[in-house]
Amino acid sequence: MNELTHKQSQCILVSLRLEPVRGLHMIPASFEYSSPKTLSEAISLLETSGSDSKILAGGQSLIPVMKLRLGSPSRLIDINNIEGLNYIRESDGFLRIGALTRIVDLESSELLKKKYPIINDAASHIADPTVRNLGTAGGNVSHADPANDLPAAMLALSAEFVATSSGGSRVIKAKDFFVDAFTTALKHEEILTEIRIPQFTVGNGGAYLKLEKRVGDFAIAGVAAQISVTQGVTVAKAGIGLTAVGSSAIEAVEAEQYLIGQTLTAEAISTASKLAARASNPGTDLRGPGEYKREMIIVLTTRALKRAYLRATGGAA
């Protein structure tokens, strides 16, 4: 979903978050289906199938859009039979997550629980077990839903995305990846193959918190916070990502910069939380007025920073 107009994006936002409406299509339009066995074959199909062909990974976002006829790709290129794109590992200074890694694997990974719990937090908030069993990390971030959970965590973690095409691979920083609602920096002929995050050492902690109407719902507001502290006191690095309060996931840069060199006192956390809220641009919708969501960003940032600090210093969280 990388080339939608703003009007189409808003239509999808409204339609997917309402109960089914009488008269809406619930069967996709006809399409061709391909199931390549290699990455090069998938890329070749993308290049030759036209601009409205789509990659199918978990399908938990794309298929509902197709059923509502809000998107009607001429061809689905199912990449699930491509080997080597499902993994979670550390190597060469990065945590590496393959694009076909299932959300449930992010949720249950012992490595992530121990060193990158912010990812566990975000993964566990995504929809329901059925969706998490099928949905993929790459598909989730590529869909770029502004109310999704993983994009905010990716911003807080300073993640990078590896996009592969017939011309090779390029790396896109998270701050440049999420362009607008349902729009990323991926080119049509590119496939997201890996998410990579700078590898953590001792003194790092993160947390993701989300306000929702009911478990598994889209966020009313959400905050991801990641900090690195030296000697258990001073913040050396900070990342804060916001969800559901703008047309895409938002990095609260001013709040991040303020925290560098600070001791996380109640006053410092309060100031950073207000700066994070200032970075938000929430609209008024069925989930509440914009001003309410902005206030919730203050509350959630405060709680996320406290939990991140506890985890960074070895406390229970």
C-alpha atoms as a PDB file:
ATOM      1  CA  MET A   1       0.000   0.000   0.000  1.00  0.00           C
ATOM      2  CA  ASN A   2       2.677   2.464  -0.951  1.00  0.00           C
ATOM      3  CA  GLU A   3       1.003   4.696  -3.530  1.00  0.00           C
ATOM      4  CA  LEU A   4      -2.410   5.697  -2.184  1.00  0.00           C
ATOM      5  CA  THR A   5      -3.848   9.186  -2.520  1.00  0.00           C
ATOM      6  CA  HIS A   6      -4.716  11.080   0.647  1.00  0.00           C
ATOM      7  CA  LYS A   7      -8.420  10.631  -0.113  1.00  0.00           C
ATOM      8  CA  GLN A   8      -8.013   6.866  -0.502  1.00  0.00           C
ATOM      9  CA  SER A   9      -6.019   6.701   2.732  1.00  0.00           C
ATOM     10  CA  GLN A  10      -8.740   8.475   4.682  1.00  0.00           C
ATOM     11  CA  CYS A  11     -11.381   6.203   3.134  1.00  0.00           C
ATOM     12  CA  ILE A  12      -9.459   3.133   4.280  1.00  0.00           C
ATOM     13  CA  LEU A  13      -8.957   4.592   7.754  1.00  0.00           C
ATOM     14  CA  VAL A  14     -12.680   5.170   8.181  1.00  0.00           C
ATOM     15  CA  SER A  15     -13.866   1.928   6.588  1.00  0.00           C
ATOM     16  CA  LEU A  16     -11.534  -0.431   8.414  1.00  0.00           C
ATOM     17  CA  ARG A  17     -12.397   1.044  11.805  1.00  0.00           C
ATOM     18  CA  LEU A  18     -16.164   0.927  11.505  1.00  0.00           C
ATOM     19  CA  GLU A  19     -18.458  -2.050  11.865  1.00  0.00           C
ATOM     20  CA  PRO A  20     -19.384  -3.649   8.496  1.00  0.00           C
ATOM     21  CA  VAL A  21     -21.814  -1.452   6.577  1.00  0.00           C
ATOM     22  CA  ARG A  22     -24.667  -2.853   4.509  1.00  0.00           C
ATOM     23  CA  GLY A  23     -23.904  -2.675   0.816  1.00  0.00           C
ATOM     24  CA  LEU A  24     -20.121  -2.866   1.116  1.00  0.00           C
ATOM     25  CA  HIS A  25     -18.367  -5.488  -0.967  1.00  0.00           C
ATOM     26  CA  MET A  26     -16.946  -8.335   1.118  1.00  0.00           C
ATOM     27  CA  ILE A  27     -15.460 -10.343  -1.754  1.00  0.00           C
ATOM     28  CA  PRO A  28     -12.280  -9.142  -3.518  1.00  0.00           C
ATOM     29  CA  ALA A  29     -12.278  -8.319  -7.203  1.00  0.00           C
ATOM     30  CA  SER A  30     -10.604 -10.926  -9.416  1.00  0.00           C
ATOM     31  CA  PHE A  31      -6.817 -11.018  -9.482  1.00  0.00           C
ATOM     32  CA  GLU A  32      -3.927 -13.183 -10.633  1.00  0.00           C
ATOM     33  CA  TYR A  33      -1.923 -15.083  -8.043  1.00  0.00           C
ATOM     34  CA  SER A  34       1.760 -16.014  -8.059  1.00  0.00           C
ATOM     35  CA  SER A  35       3.789 -17.893  -5.475  1.00  0.00           C
ATOM     36  CA  PRO A  36       7.498 -17.457  -6.276  1.00  0.00           C
ATOM     37  CA  LYS A  37      10.057 -19.675  -4.591  1.00  0.00           C
ATOM     38  CA  THR A  38      12.941 -17.196  -4.638  1.00  0.00           C
ATOM     39  CA  LEU A  39      13.397 -13.524  -3.885  1.00  0.00           C
ATOM     40  CA  SER A  40      14.723 -12.802  -7.370  1.00  0.00           C
ATOM     41  CA  GLU A  41      11.637 -14.407  -8.898  1.00  0.00           C
ATOM     42  CA  ALA A  42       9.371 -12.283  -6.701  1.00  0.00           C
ATOM     43  CA  ILE A  43      11.201  -9.103  -7.666  1.00  0.00           C
ATOM     44  CA  SER A  44      10.982 -10.018 -11.352  1.00  0.00           C
ATOM     45  CA  LEU A  45       7.234 -10.515 -11.018  1.00  0.00           C
ATOM     46  CA  LEU A  46       6.902  -7.109  -9.350  1.00  0.00           C
ATOM     47  CA  GLU A  47       8.762  -5.475 -12.215  1.00  0.00           C
ATOM     48  CA  THR A  48       6.689  -7.135 -14.937  1.00  0.00           C
ATOM     49  CA  SER A  49       3.221  -7.275 -13.374  1.00  0.00           C
ATOM     50  CA  GLY A  50       2.304  -3.600 -13.450  1.00  0.00           C
ATOM     51  CA  SER A  51       2.134  -0.865 -10.861  1.00  0.00           C
ATOM     52  CA  ASP A  52      -0.977  -2.256  -9.151  1.00  0.00           C
ATOM     53  CA  SER A  53       0.518  -5.659  -8.260  1.00  0.00           C
ATOM     54  CA  LYS A  54       1.010  -6.244  -4.528  1.00  0.00           C
ATOM     55  CA  ILE A  55       3.184  -8.359  -2.263  1.00  0.00           C
ATOM     56  CA  LEU A  56       1.281 -10.790  -0.025  1.00  0.00           C
ATOM     57  CA  ALA A  57       3.007 -11.671   3.244  1.00  0.00           C
ATOM     58  CA  GLY A  58       0.681 -12.260   6.198  1.00  0.00           C
ATOM     59  CA  GLY A  59      -2.253 -10.659   4.401  1.00  0.00           C
ATOM     60  CA  GLN A  60      -3.867  -9.430   7.600  1.00  0.00           C
ATOM     61  CA  SER A  61      -4.051  -5.850   6.332  1.00  0.00           C
ATOM     62  CA  LEU A  62      -4.128  -6.313   2.564  1.00  0.00           C
ATOM     63  CA  ILE A  63      -6.926  -8.897   2.379  1.00  0.00           C
ATOM     64  CA  PRO A  64      -9.465  -6.788   4.347  1.00  0.00           C
ATOM     65  CA  VAL A  65      -8.691  -3.835   2.064  1.00  0.00           C
ATOM     66  CA  MET A  66      -9.324  -6.046  -0.966  1.00  0.00           C
ATOM     67  CA  LYS A  67     -12.536  -7.469   0.491  1.00  0.00           C
ATOM     68  CA  LEU A  68     -13.887  -3.957   0.944  1.00  0.00           C
ATOM     69  CA  ARG A  69     -12.810  -3.128  -2.639  1.00  0.00           C
ATOM     70  CA  LEU A  70     -10.697  -0.261  -1.299  1.00  0.00           C
ATOM     71  CA  GLY A  71      -7.813  -1.803  -3.180  1.00  0.00           C
ATOM     72  CA  SER A  72      -7.963  -4.115  -6.184  1.00  0.00           C
ATOM     73  CA  PRO A  73      -4.498  -5.278  -7.222  1.00  0.00           C
ATOM     74  CA  SER A  74      -4.269  -7.075 -10.538  1.00  0.00           C
ATOM     75  CA  ARG A  75      -1.835  -9.625  -9.107  1.00  0.00           C
ATOM     76  CA  LEU A  76      -0.863 -10.877  -5.661  1.00  0.00           C
ATOM     77  CA  ILE A  77       2.716 -12.059  -5.312  1.00  0.00           C
ATOM     78  CA  ASP A  78       2.760 -14.420  -2.338  1.00  0.00           C
ATOM     79  CA  ILE A  79       6.276 -14.467  -0.818  1.00  0.00           C
ATOM     80  CA  ASN A  80       5.559 -16.986   1.936  1.00  0.00           C
ATOM     81  CA  ASN A  81       7.363 -19.808   0.124  1.00  0.00           C
ATOM     82  CA  ILE A  82      10.624 -17.872  -0.068  1.00  0.00           C
ATOM     83  CA  GLU A  83      13.108 -19.343   2.397  1.00  0.00           C
ATOM     84  CA  GLY A  84      15.459 -17.352   4.576  1.00  0.00           C
ATOM     85  CA  LEU A  85      13.215 -14.397   5.465  1.00  0.00           C
ATOM     86  CA  ASN A  86      11.997 -15.630   8.859  1.00  0.00           C
ATOM     87  CA  TYR A  87      14.510 -15.051  11.675  1.00  0.00           C
ATOM     88  CA  ILE A  88      15.381 -13.059  14.780  1.00  0.00           C
ATOM     89  CA  ARG A  89      19.088 -12.841  15.521  1.00  0.00           C
ATOM     90  CA  GLU A  90      21.949 -10.561  16.478  1.00  0.00           C
ATOM     91  CA  SER A  91      24.936 -10.209  14.156  1.00  0.00           C
ATOM     92  CA  ASP A  92      27.446  -7.562  13.072  1.00  0.00           C
ATOM     93  CA  GLY A  93      26.221  -5.026  15.600  1.00  0.00           C
ATOM     94  CA  PHE A  94      22.508  -5.296  14.760  1.00  0.00           C
ATOM     95  CA  LEU A  95      19.388  -7.087  15.872  1.00  0.00           C
ATOM     96  CA  ARG A  96      18.091  -8.481  12.590  1.00  0.00           C
ATOM     97  CA  ILE A  97      14.465  -9.434  11.953  1.00  0.00           C
ATOM     98  CA  GLY A  98      13.519 -11.122   8.701  1.00  0.00           C
ATOM     99  CA  ALA A  99      10.576  -9.604   6.868  1.00  0.00           C
ATOM    100  CA  LEU A 100       8.539 -12.840   7.060  1.00  0.00           C
ATOM    101  CA  THR A 101       8.985 -13.227  10.817  1.00  0.00           C
ATOM    102  CA  ARG A 102       5.519 -13.704  12.303  1.00  0.00           C
ATOM    103  CA  ILE A 103       4.228 -11.251  14.886  1.00  0.00           C
ATOM    104  CA  VAL A 104       3.718 -14.132  17.311  1.00  0.00           C
ATOM    105  CA  ASP A 105       7.456 -14.854  17.091  1.00  0.00           C
ATOM    106  CA  LEU A 106       8.226 -11.257  18.062  1.00  0.00           C
ATOM    107  CA  GLU A 107       5.829 -11.635  20.948  1.00  0.00           C
ATOM    108  CA  SER A 108       7.373 -14.876  22.232  1.00  0.00           C
ATOM    109  CA  SER A 109      11.087 -14.430  21.433  1.00  0.00           C
ATOM    110  CA  GLU A 110      13.253 -14.868  24.532  1.00  0.00           C
ATOM    111  CA  LEU A 111      15.979 -12.708  22.978  1.00  0.00           C
ATOM    112  CA  LEU A 112      13.539  -9.843  22.519  1.00  0.00           C
ATOM    113  CA  LYS A 113      12.061 -10.277  25.987  1.00  0.00           C
ATOM    114  CA  LYS A 114      15.516 -10.075  27.522  1.00  0.00           C
ATOM    115  CA  LYS A 115      17.107  -7.274  25.482  1.00  0.00           C
ATOM    116  CA  TYR A 116      14.417  -5.583  23.356  1.00  0.00           C
ATOM    117  CA  PRO A 117      11.173  -5.793  25.371  1.00  0.00           C
ATOM    118  CA  ILE A 118       9.714  -2.765  23.600  1.00  0.00           C
ATOM    119  CA  ILE A 119       9.215  -5.012  20.564  1.00  0.00           C
ATOM    120  CA  ASN A 120       7.433  -7.655  22.675  1.00  0.00           C
ATOM    121  CA  ASP A 121       5.213  -4.903  24.083  1.00  0.00           C
ATOM    122  CA  ALA A 122       4.243  -3.621  20.645  1.00  0.00           C
ATOM    123  CA  ALA A 123       3.763  -7.084  19.131  1.00  0.00           C
ATOM    124  CA  SER A 124       1.480  -8.211  21.959  1.00  0.00           C
ATOM    125  CA  HIS A 125      -0.818  -5.223  21.337  1.00  0.00           C
ATOM    126  CA  ILE A 126      -1.433  -6.088  17.688  1.00  0.00           C
ATOM    127  CA  ALA A 127      -4.990  -7.251  17.078  1.00  0.00           C
ATOM    128  CA  ASP A 128      -5.638 -10.824  18.301  1.00  0.00           C
ATOM    129  CA  PRO A 129      -3.818 -14.188  18.346  1.00  0.00           C
ATOM    130  CA  THR A 130      -5.124 -15.215  14.932  1.00  0.00           C
ATOM    131  CA  VAL A 131      -3.789 -12.062  13.320  1.00  0.00           C
ATOM    132  CA  ARG A 132      -0.479 -12.314  15.188  1.00  0.00           C
ATOM    133  CA  ASN A 133      -0.045 -15.938  14.079  1.00  0.00           C
ATOM    134  CA  LEU A 134      -0.335 -14.968  10.408  1.00  0.00           C
ATOM    135  CA  GLY A 135       0.834 -11.352  10.286  1.00  0.00           C
ATOM    136  CA  THR A 136       4.480 -10.587   9.555  1.00  0.00           C
ATOM    137  CA  ALA A 137       6.892  -7.934  10.799  1.00  0.00           C
ATOM    138  CA  GLY A 138       7.665  -6.778   7.270  1.00  0.00           C
ATOM    139  CA  GLY A 139       4.048  -6.654   6.187  1.00  0.00           C
ATOM    140  CA  ASN A 140       3.060  -4.784   9.332  1.00  0.00           C
ATOM    141  CA  VAL A 141       5.513  -1.923   8.922  1.00  0.00           C
ATOM    142  CA  SER A 142       5.089  -1.781   5.129  1.00  0.00           C
ATOM    143  CA  HIS A 143       1.344  -1.277   5.525  1.00  0.00           C
ATOM    144  CA  ALA A 144       2.177   1.930   7.445  1.00  0.00           C
ATOM    145  CA  ASP A 145      -1.143   2.249   9.229  1.00  0.00           C
ATOM    146  CA  PRO A 146      -0.851   5.450  11.294  1.00  0.00           C
ATOM    147  CA  ALA A 147      -2.584   3.716  14.222  1.00  0.00           C
ATOM    148  CA  ASN A 148      -0.429   0.587  14.124  1.00  0.00           C
ATOM    149  CA  ASP A 149       1.889  -0.452  16.948  1.00  0.00           C
ATOM    150  CA  LEU A 150       5.214  -1.550  15.448  1.00  0.00           C
ATOM    151  CA  PRO A 151       6.018   1.678  13.524  1.00  0.00           C
ATOM    152  CA  ALA A 152       6.234   3.743  16.716  1.00  0.00           C
ATOM    153  CA  ALA A 153       8.576   1.162  18.252  1.00  0.00           C
ATOM    154  CA  MET A 154      10.721   1.178  15.114  1.00  0.00           C
ATOM    155  CA  LEU A 155      11.118   4.954  15.367  1.00  0.00           C
ATOM    156  CA  ALA A 156      12.034   4.761  19.056  1.00  0.00           C
ATOM    157  CA  LEU A 157      14.625   2.073  18.264  1.00  0.00           C
ATOM    158  CA  SER A 158      16.228   3.986  15.349  1.00  0.00           C
ATOM    159  CA  ALA A 159      15.483   0.985  13.145  1.00  0.00           C
ATOM    160  CA  GLU A 160      16.571   0.625   9.541  1.00  0.00           C
ATOM    161  CA  PHE A 161      14.782  -1.194   6.739  1.00  0.00           C
ATOM    162  CA  VAL A 162      16.539  -3.155   4.012  1.00  0.00           C
ATOM    163  CA  ALA A 163      14.746  -2.836   0.673  1.00  0.00           C
ATOM    164  CA  THR A 164      15.793  -5.231  -2.084  1.00  0.00           C
ATOM    165  CA  SER A 165      15.292  -4.903  -5.836  1.00  0.00           C
ATOM    166  CA  SER A 166      16.950  -6.220  -8.975  1.00  0.00           C
ATOM    167  CA  GLY A 167      19.471  -3.405  -8.620  1.00  0.00           C
ATOM    168  CA  GLY A 168      20.561  -4.554  -5.165  1.00  0.00           C
ATOM    169  CA  SER A 169      19.660  -3.451  -1.659  1.00  0.00           C
ATOM    170  CA  ARG A 170      19.360  -0.079   0.025  1.00  0.00           C
ATOM    171  CA  VAL A 171      18.853   0.880   3.651  1.00  0.00           C
ATOM    172  CA  ILE A 172      16.065   3.252   4.691  1.00  0.00           C
ATOM    173  CA  LYS A 173      16.080   4.786   8.165  1.00  0.00           C
ATOM    174  CA  ALA A 174      12.811   4.537  10.075  1.00  0.00           C
ATOM    175  CA  LYS A 175      12.518   8.336  10.236  1.00  0.00           C
ATOM    176  CA  ASP A 176      12.458   8.378   6.417  1.00  0.00           C
ATOM    177  CA  PHE A 177      10.465   5.180   5.893  1.00  0.00           C
ATOM    178  CA  PHE A 178       7.023   6.239   7.163  1.00  0.00           C
ATOM    179  CA  VAL A 179       5.934   8.957   4.736  1.00  0.00           C
ATOM    180  CA  ASP A 180       2.172   9.301   5.270  1.00  0.00           C
ATOM    181  CA  ALA A 181      -0.922   7.228   5.960  1.00  0.00           C
ATOM    182  CA  PHE A 182      -0.423   3.844   4.257  1.00  0.00           C
ATOM    183  CA  THR A 183       2.578   5.278   2.425  1.00  0.00           C
ATOM    184  CA  THR A 184       6.232   4.301   2.829  1.00  0.00           C
ATOM    185  CA  ALA A 185       9.485   5.131   1.076  1.00  0.00           C
ATOM    186  CA  LEU A 186       9.519   1.686  -0.575  1.00  0.00           C
ATOM    187  CA  LYS A 187       9.515   1.815  -4.359  1.00  0.00           C
ATOM    188  CA  HIS A 188       7.094  -0.420  -6.216  1.00  0.00           C
ATOM    189  CA  GLU A 189       9.851  -2.746  -7.460  1.00  0.00           C
ATOM    190  CA  GLU A 190      11.371  -3.140  -3.990  1.00  0.00           C
ATOM    191  CA  ILE A 191      10.620  -5.776  -1.355  1.00  0.00           C
ATOM    192  CA  LEU A 192      11.330  -5.180   2.308  1.00  0.00           C
ATOM    193  CA  THR A 193      13.588  -8.073   3.310  1.00  0.00           C
ATOM    194  CA  GLU A 194      14.976  -7.166   6.735  1.00  0.00           C
ATOM    195  CA  ILE A 195      14.475  -4.893   9.712  1.00  0.00           C
ATOM    196  CA  ARG A 196      17.647  -4.109  11.603  1.00  0.00           C
ATOM    197  CA  ILE A 197      18.143  -2.330  14.908  1.00  0.00           C
ATOM    198  CA  PRO A 198      21.399  -1.232  16.553  1.00  0.00           C
ATOM    199  CA  GLN A 199      22.392  -3.979  18.969  1.00  0.00           C
ATOM    200  CA  PHE A 200      21.921  -3.122  22.649  1.00  0.00           C
ATOM    201  CA  THR A 201      24.296  -3.504  25.546  1.00  0.00           C
ATOM    202  CA  VAL A 202      23.697  -3.116  29.281  1.00  0.00           C
ATOM    203  CA  GLY A 203      21.892   0.057  30.316  1.00  0.00           C
ATOM    204  CA  ASN A 204      19.172   0.043  27.660  1.00  0.00           C
ATOM    205  CA  GLY A 205      15.469  -0.256  28.244  1.00  0.00           C
ATOM    206  CA  GLY A 206      12.277   0.393  26.352  1.00  0.00           C
ATOM    207  CA  ALA A 207       8.508   0.150  26.630  1.00  0.00           C
ATOM    208  CA  TYR A 208       5.424   0.546  24.465  1.00  0.00           C
ATOM    209  CA  LEU A 209       2.076   1.584  25.943  1.00  0.00           C
ATOM    210  CA  LYS A 210      -1.212   1.941  24.145  1.00  0.00           C
ATOM    211  CA  LEU A 211      -4.635   3.303  24.965  1.00  0.00           C
ATOM    212  CA  GLU A 212      -7.397   1.363  23.225  1.00  0.00           C
ATOM    213  CA  LYS A 213     -11.164   1.029  23.487  1.00  0.00           C
ATOM    214  CA  ARG A 214     -10.876  -2.736  23.842  1.00  0.00           C
ATOM    215  CA  VAL A 215      -8.113  -5.304  23.655  1.00  0.00           C
ATOM    216  CA  GLY A 216      -6.828  -5.703  20.113  1.00  0.00           C
ATOM    217  CA  ASP A 217      -8.406  -2.507  18.819  1.00  0.00           C
ATOM    218  CA  PHE A 218      -6.633   0.233  16.895  1.00  0.00           C
ATOM    219  CA  ALA A 219      -4.898   2.689  19.202  1.00  0.00           C
ATOM    220  CA  ILE A 220      -6.547   5.831  20.494  1.00  0.00           C
ATOM    221  CA  ALA A 221      -2.964   6.865  21.243  1.00  0.00           C
ATOM    222  CA  GLY A 222       0.280   4.982  21.747  1.00  0.00           C
ATOM    223  CA  VAL A 223       3.838   5.764  22.820  1.00  0.00           C
ATOM    224  CA  ALA A 224       7.091   3.841  22.412  1.00  0.00           C
ATOM    225  CA  ALA A 225      10.068   4.963  24.512  1.00  0.00           C
ATOM    226  CA  GLN A 226      13.621   3.643  24.397  1.00  0.00           C
ATOM    227  CA  ILE A 227      16.492   4.999  26.516  1.00  0.00           C
ATOM    228  CA  SER A 228      20.144   4.277  27.173  1.00  0.00           C
ATOM    229  CA  VAL A 229      21.549   5.336  30.550  1.00  0.00           C
ATOM    230  CA  THR A 230      25.129   5.616  31.770  1.00  0.00           C
ATOM    231  CA  GLN A 231      25.985   4.519  35.302  1.00  0.00           C
ATOM    232  CA  GLY A 232      22.273   3.989  35.879  1.00  0.00           C
ATOM    233  CA  VAL A 233      21.659   7.738  36.041  1.00  0.00           C
ATOM    234  CA  THR A 234      22.183   9.912  32.965  1.00  0.00           C
ATOM    235  CA  VAL A 235      20.334   9.473  29.672  1.00  0.00           C
ATOM    236  CA  ALA A 236      22.844   8.975  26.851  1.00  0.00           C
ATOM    237  CA  LYS A 237      20.341   8.235  24.101  1.00  0.00           C
ATOM    238  CA  ALA A 238      16.564   8.447  23.817  1.00  0.00           C
ATOM    239  CA  GLY A 239      13.964   7.459  21.256  1.00  0.00           C
ATOM    240  CA  ILE A 240      10.248   8.261  21.405  1.00  0.00           C
ATOM    241  CA  GLY A 241       7.705   7.167  18.788  1.00  0.00           C
ATOM    242  CA  LEU A 242       4.012   8.090  18.737  1.00  0.00           C
ATOM    243  CA  THR A 243       1.139   6.291  17.086  1.00  0.00           C
ATOM    244  CA  ALA A 244      -2.456   7.244  16.167  1.00  0.00           C
ATOM    245  CA  VAL A 245      -1.840  10.976  16.619  1.00  0.00           C
ATOM    246  CA  GLY A 246      -0.926  11.967  13.069  1.00  0.00           C
ATOM    247  CA  SER A 247      -1.070  10.862   9.451  1.00  0.00           C
ATOM    248  CA  SER A 248       1.852   8.517  10.144  1.00  0.00           C
ATOM    249  CA  ALA A 249       3.925   7.331  13.078  1.00  0.00           C
ATOM    250  CA  ILE A 250       5.709  10.335  14.602  1.00  0.00           C
ATOM    251  CA  GLU A 251       9.177  10.642  16.100  1.00  0.00           C
ATOM    252  CA  ALA A 252       9.134  13.104  19.002  1.00  0.00           C
ATOM    253  CA  VAL A 253      12.544  14.580  18.168  1.00  0.00           C
ATOM    254  CA  GLU A 254      12.383  17.580  20.508  1.00  0.00           C
ATOM    255  CA  ALA A 255      11.552  15.347  23.472  1.00  0.00           C
ATOM    256  CA  GLU A 256      14.383  12.960  22.545  1.00  0.00           C
ATOM    257  CA  GLN A 257      16.922  15.763  22.339  1.00  0.00           C
ATOM    258  CA  TYR A 258      15.788  17.241  25.652  1.00  0.00           C
ATOM    259  CA  LEU A 259      16.356  13.946  27.468  1.00  0.00           C
ATOM    260  CA  ILE A 260      20.011  13.607  26.422  1.00  0.00           C
ATOM    261  CA  GLY A 261      22.183  14.333  29.460  1.00  0.00           C
ATOM    262  CA  GLN A 262      19.215  14.437  31.824  1.00  0.00           C
ATOM    263  CA  THR A 263      18.679  12.457  34.986  1.00  0.00           C
ATOM    264  CA  LEU A 264      15.183  10.997  34.800  1.00  0.00           C
ATOM    265  CA  THR A 265      13.635  12.961  37.617  1.00  0.00           C
ATOM    266  CA  ALA A 266       9.879  13.480  37.773  1.00  0.00           C
ATOM    267  CA  GLU A 267      10.414  16.988  36.424  1.00  0.00           C
ATOM    268  CA  ALA A 268      12.503  15.787  33.475  1.00  0.00           C
ATOM    269  CA  ILE A 269       9.966  13.111  32.585  1.00  0.00           C
ATOM    270  CA  SER A 270       7.131  15.648  32.809  1.00  0.00           C
ATOM    271  CA  THR A 271       8.928  18.069  30.505  1.00  0.00           C
ATOM    272  CA  ALA A 272       9.784  15.358  27.976  1.00  0.00           C
ATOM    273  CA  SER A 273       6.194  14.096  27.996  1.00  0.00           C
ATOM    274  CA  LYS A 274       4.843  17.556  27.232  1.00  0.00           C
ATOM    275  CA  LEU A 275       7.363  17.956  24.422  1.00  0.00           C
ATOM    276  CA  ALA A 276       6.262  14.598  23.008  1.00  0.00           C
ATOM    277  CA  ALA A 277       2.639  15.737  23.058  1.00  0.00           C
ATOM    278  CA  ARG A 278       3.675  18.892  21.232  1.00  0.00           C
ATOM    279  CA  ALA A 279       5.017  16.732  18.397  1.00  0.00           C
ATOM    280  CA  SER A 280       1.621  15.065  17.963  1.00  0.00           C
ATOM    281  CA  ASN A 281      -1.068  16.214  15.567  1.00  0.00           C
ATOM    282  CA  PRO A 282      -4.165  14.198  16.465  1.00  0.00           C
ATOM    283  CA  GLY A 283      -7.490  14.639  14.749  1.00  0.00           C
ATOM    284  CA  THR A 284     -10.962  14.306  16.220  1.00  0.00           C
ATOM    285  CA  ASP A 285     -12.761  11.097  15.283  1.00  0.00           C
ATOM    286  CA  LEU A 286     -14.871   8.279  16.731  1.00  0.00           C
ATOM    287  CA  ARG A 287     -12.092   7.488  19.197  1.00  0.00           C
ATOM    288  CA  GLY A 288     -12.145  10.904  20.784  1.00  0.00           C
ATOM    289  CA  PRO A 289     -11.303  14.583  20.371  1.00  0.00           C
ATOM    290  CA  GLY A 290      -7.815  15.614  19.356  1.00  0.00           C
ATOM    291  CA  GLU A 291      -7.122  17.463  22.594  1.00  0.00           C
ATOM    292  CA  TYR A 292      -7.950  14.362  24.622  1.00  0.00           C
ATOM    293  CA  LYS A 293      -5.507  12.275  22.558  1.00  0.00           C
ATOM    294  CA  ARG A 294      -2.802  14.888  23.049  1.00  0.00           C
ATOM    295  CA  GLU A 295      -3.294  14.726  26.810  1.00  0.00           C
ATOM    296  CA  MET A 296      -3.090  10.948  26.634  1.00  0.00           C
ATOM    297  CA  ILE A 297       0.286  11.246  24.915  1.00  0.00           C
ATOM    298  CA  ILE A 298       1.542  13.063  28.020  1.00  0.00           C
ATOM    299  CA  VAL A 299       0.223  10.299  30.279  1.00  0.00           C
ATOM    300  CA  LEU A 300       1.520   7.447  28.128  1.00  0.00           C
ATOM    301  CA  THR A 301       4.953   9.023  27.580  1.00  0.00           C
ATOM    302  CA  THR A 302       5.342   9.496  31.334  1.00  0.00           C
ATOM    303  CA  ARG A 303       4.508   5.848  31.986  1.00  0.00           C
ATOM    304  CA  ALA A 304       6.604   4.543  29.091  1.00  0.00           C
ATOM    305  CA  LEU A 305       9.694   6.488  30.186  1.00  0.00           C
ATOM    306  CA  LYS A 306       9.334   5.237  33.762  1.00  0.00           C
ATOM    307  CA  ARG A 307       9.024   1.640  32.583  1.00  0.00           C
ATOM    308  CA  ALA A 308      11.905   2.047  30.142  1.00  0.00           C
ATOM    309  CA  TYR A 309      14.096   3.412  32.942  1.00  0.00           C
ATOM    310  CA  LEU A 310      13.227   0.502  35.218  1.00  0.00           C
ATOM    311  CA  ARG A 311      14.167  -1.951  32.508  1.00  0.00           C
ATOM    312  CA  ALA A 312      17.373  -0.074  31.675  1.00  0.00           C
ATOM    313  CA  THR A 313      18.502  -0.190  35.306  1.00  0.00           C
ATOM    314  CA  GLY A 314      17.504  -3.794  35.978  1.00  0.00           C
ATOM    315  CA  GLY A 315      14.290  -3.096  37.853  1.00  0.00           C
ATOM    316  CA  ALA A 316      11.042  -5.011  37.428  1.00  0.00           C
ATOM    317  CA  ALA A 317       8.615  -3.689  34.852  1.00  0.00           C
END
